Amino acid sequence: MDVAIVWNVAEARGDWPIVSGDLGLDNPLRSAVMVSLFSDRVAPEEPSAQDSAVGIKPPGNAATSGKNDRRGWWGDVYNDFPIGSRLWQLRRAIKVGEKAVLIELEAIVREALQWLIDDGIASSINVPTAWSVTSASTAEFAVSIYEPSAAQPQTFLFSWAWEGL
């Protein structure tokens, strides 16, 4: 068992629940997925063409915007691969058509979880995405992780809300 993380969609943050005066416990794979998805990964200096297609801009520079925040974790300076995801960059993405943001969402989730495959924890990962039927500014996605020795995947459901859509 691992420390549980409860995600609050409305506040876009996670928290550790207290159960009977102690930290709540959860499935360790779920905890790894939560940290991988909902920790801020450092943004690349220049967005890819796919990033640009949904309105993700490069971090500002001090001369033009006063900000040069690529986020990320300071410990990644010492790692070959950064932890976390770039979901935070989608917070102000532009909903162009029905598919572009969903394709980018899937790519960002796969990027954040690739380490599970690289480390042999998962043999494959499936990430279906869709716009919520109840909120036009919320995307829903599932993460199905196929472990090498398991007959069935472990599936976790999430949603991500955007500003201004």
Protein backbone atom coordinates (compact mmCIF):
# COMPACT_ATOMS: atom_id res chain seq x y z
CA MET A 1 0.00 0.00 0.00
CA ASP A 2 0.99 3.59 -0.60
CA VAL A 3 -0.19 6.99 0.63
CA ALA A 4 -3.50 7.90 -1.05
CA ILE A 5 -3.88 11.08 -3.07
CA VAL A 6 -7.35 12.53 -3.56
CA TRP A 7 -7.68 14.84 -6.58
CA ASN A 8 -9.96 17.88 -6.34
CA VAL A 9 -10.96 18.78 -9.92
CA ALA A 10 -12.50 22.16 -9.05
CA GLU A 11 -9.37 23.35 -7.22
CA ALA A 12 -6.91 21.49 -9.51
CA ARG A 13 -4.96 20.06 -6.59
CA GLY A 14 -4.39 16.84 -4.75
CA ASP A 15 -4.41 16.15 -1.04
CA TRP A 16 -3.57 13.32 1.33
CA PRO A 17 -6.69 12.13 3.17
CA ILE A 18 -6.65 11.46 6.92
CA VAL A 19 -8.38 8.23 7.90
CA SER A 20 -8.77 7.39 11.61
CA GLY A 21 -6.05 9.90 12.51
CA ASP A 22 -3.52 8.53 10.01
CA LEU A 23 -2.68 9.01 6.34
CA GLY A 24 -5.06 7.11 4.08
CA LEU A 25 -3.59 4.31 1.98
CA ASP A 26 -4.23 3.39 -1.64
CA ASN A 27 -3.05 1.25 -4.52
CA PRO A 28 0.65 2.09 -5.19
CA LEU A 29 0.10 2.13 -8.96
CA ARG A 30 -2.68 4.70 -8.54
CA SER A 31 -0.39 6.84 -6.36
CA ALA A 32 2.36 6.66 -9.01
CA VAL A 33 -0.14 7.69 -11.70
CA MET A 34 -1.43 10.59 -9.57
CA VAL A 35 2.09 11.95 -8.95
CA SER A 36 3.00 11.47 -12.62
CA LEU A 37 -0.08 13.27 -13.90
CA PHE A 38 -0.67 15.99 -11.35
CA SER A 39 2.87 17.18 -10.57
CA ASP A 40 4.01 19.99 -12.84
CA ARG A 41 6.60 18.82 -15.35
CA VAL A 42 9.01 21.41 -16.70
CA ALA A 43 7.84 22.91 -19.99
CA PRO A 44 10.09 22.74 -23.03
CA GLU A 45 11.66 26.04 -24.07
CA GLU A 46 9.74 25.90 -27.35
CA PRO A 47 6.35 24.21 -27.79
CA SER A 48 5.95 21.46 -30.37
CA ALA A 49 3.70 21.97 -33.41
CA GLN A 50 1.01 19.96 -31.62
CA ASP A 51 1.34 22.21 -28.54
CA SER A 52 1.06 25.33 -30.71
CA ALA A 53 -2.04 23.96 -32.45
CA VAL A 54 -4.00 24.20 -29.19
CA GLY A 55 -2.56 27.55 -28.13
CA ILE A 56 0.25 26.46 -25.81
CA LYS A 57 2.80 29.25 -25.94
CA PRO A 58 6.46 29.23 -24.95
CA PRO A 59 7.19 30.50 -21.44
CA GLY A 60 7.43 34.29 -21.40
CA ASN A 61 10.70 36.03 -20.91
CA ALA A 62 11.53 38.66 -18.37
CA ALA A 63 11.84 41.37 -21.05
CA THR A 64 8.33 40.91 -22.49
CA SER A 65 6.07 39.47 -19.84
CA GLY A 66 7.96 39.54 -16.59
CA LYS A 67 7.54 35.77 -16.37
CA ASN A 68 9.76 32.92 -17.42
CA ASP A 69 8.11 30.16 -15.41
CA ARG A 70 8.62 26.77 -16.97
CA ARG A 71 7.53 25.17 -13.66
CA GLY A 72 8.80 21.69 -12.92
CA TRP A 73 10.58 20.30 -9.89
CA TRP A 74 14.03 21.55 -8.89
CA GLY A 75 15.19 17.93 -8.40
CA ASP A 76 14.76 17.27 -12.11
CA VAL A 77 18.03 19.13 -12.69
CA TYR A 78 19.69 15.88 -11.54
CA ASN A 79 17.40 13.48 -13.46
CA ASP A 80 17.64 12.30 -17.04
CA PHE A 81 13.83 12.41 -17.35
CA PRO A 82 11.60 14.92 -15.54
CA ILE A 83 8.70 13.78 -13.37
CA GLY A 84 5.14 15.02 -13.65
CA SER A 85 3.09 16.12 -16.61
CA ARG A 86 2.47 19.21 -18.67
CA LEU A 87 -1.28 19.16 -17.99
CA TRP A 88 -0.82 22.59 -16.38
CA GLN A 89 0.02 23.97 -19.83
CA LEU A 90 -3.43 22.94 -21.07
CA ARG A 91 -5.16 25.07 -18.46
CA ARG A 92 -5.62 27.89 -20.98
CA ALA A 93 -5.57 25.83 -24.18
CA ILE A 94 -7.84 26.90 -26.99
CA LYS A 95 -10.59 24.45 -27.87
CA VAL A 96 -10.06 24.34 -31.62
CA GLY A 97 -12.54 21.87 -33.06
CA GLU A 98 -13.42 18.80 -31.06
CA LYS A 99 -10.23 16.77 -31.37
CA ALA A 100 -7.04 18.88 -31.14
CA VAL A 101 -7.08 19.38 -27.36
CA LEU A 102 -8.06 15.76 -26.78
CA ILE A 103 -5.15 14.57 -28.93
CA GLU A 104 -2.77 16.85 -27.02
CA LEU A 105 -4.24 15.67 -23.69
CA GLU A 106 -3.58 12.05 -24.63
CA ALA A 107 -0.01 12.88 -25.73
CA ILE A 108 0.73 14.71 -22.47
CA VAL A 109 -0.65 11.86 -20.35
CA ARG A 110 1.36 9.28 -22.32
CA GLU A 111 4.51 11.41 -21.95
CA ALA A 112 4.02 11.58 -18.16
CA LEU A 113 3.44 7.84 -17.82
CA GLN A 114 6.09 6.59 -20.25
CA TRP A 115 8.41 5.84 -17.34
CA LEU A 116 6.06 3.02 -16.26
CA ILE A 117 6.78 1.23 -19.56
CA ASP A 118 10.50 2.13 -19.52
CA ASP A 119 10.86 0.69 -15.99
CA GLY A 120 8.93 -2.50 -16.84
CA ILE A 121 6.00 -1.71 -14.53
CA ALA A 122 3.61 -1.61 -17.49
CA SER A 123 3.68 -3.39 -20.82
CA SER A 124 1.34 -0.82 -22.39
CA ILE A 125 -0.89 2.11 -21.52
CA ASN A 126 -4.21 3.10 -23.10
CA VAL A 127 -5.52 6.69 -22.72
CA PRO A 128 -8.98 7.31 -24.20
CA THR A 129 -10.10 10.96 -23.95
CA ALA A 130 -13.45 12.70 -24.46
CA TRP A 131 -15.18 15.98 -23.71
CA SER A 132 -17.53 15.75 -20.74
CA VAL A 133 -21.23 15.57 -21.56
CA THR A 134 -21.99 17.77 -18.54
CA SER A 135 -19.37 20.53 -18.98
CA ALA A 136 -17.97 21.87 -22.25
CA SER A 137 -14.78 23.02 -20.48
CA THR A 138 -13.95 19.63 -18.94
CA ALA A 139 -12.21 16.73 -20.61
CA GLU A 140 -12.44 13.25 -19.19
CA PHE A 141 -9.79 10.62 -19.63
CA ALA A 142 -9.09 7.10 -18.48
CA VAL A 143 -5.69 5.56 -17.93
CA SER A 144 -5.60 1.79 -18.42
CA ILE A 145 -2.29 0.29 -17.41
CA TYR A 146 -1.48 -3.20 -18.59
CA GLU A 147 1.01 -4.79 -16.21
CA PRO A 148 3.23 -7.50 -17.73
CA SER A 149 1.84 -10.35 -15.59
CA ALA A 150 -1.79 -9.23 -15.19
CA ALA A 151 -4.70 -10.55 -17.24
CA GLN A 152 -6.69 -7.29 -16.96
CA PRO A 153 -5.53 -3.67 -16.90
CA GLN A 154 -5.90 -1.36 -13.93
CA THR A 155 -8.01 1.59 -15.04
CA PHE A 156 -8.17 5.00 -13.39
CA LEU A 157 -10.64 7.73 -14.40
CA PHE A 158 -9.82 11.45 -14.34
CA SER A 159 -11.11 14.77 -15.58
CA TRP A 160 -9.39 18.10 -16.28
CA ALA A 161 -11.12 21.48 -16.35
CA TRP A 162 -10.01 24.39 -18.51
CA GLU A 163 -10.29 28.11 -17.94
CA GLY A 164 -12.25 30.18 -20.40
CA LEU A 165 -13.53 27.52 -22.77
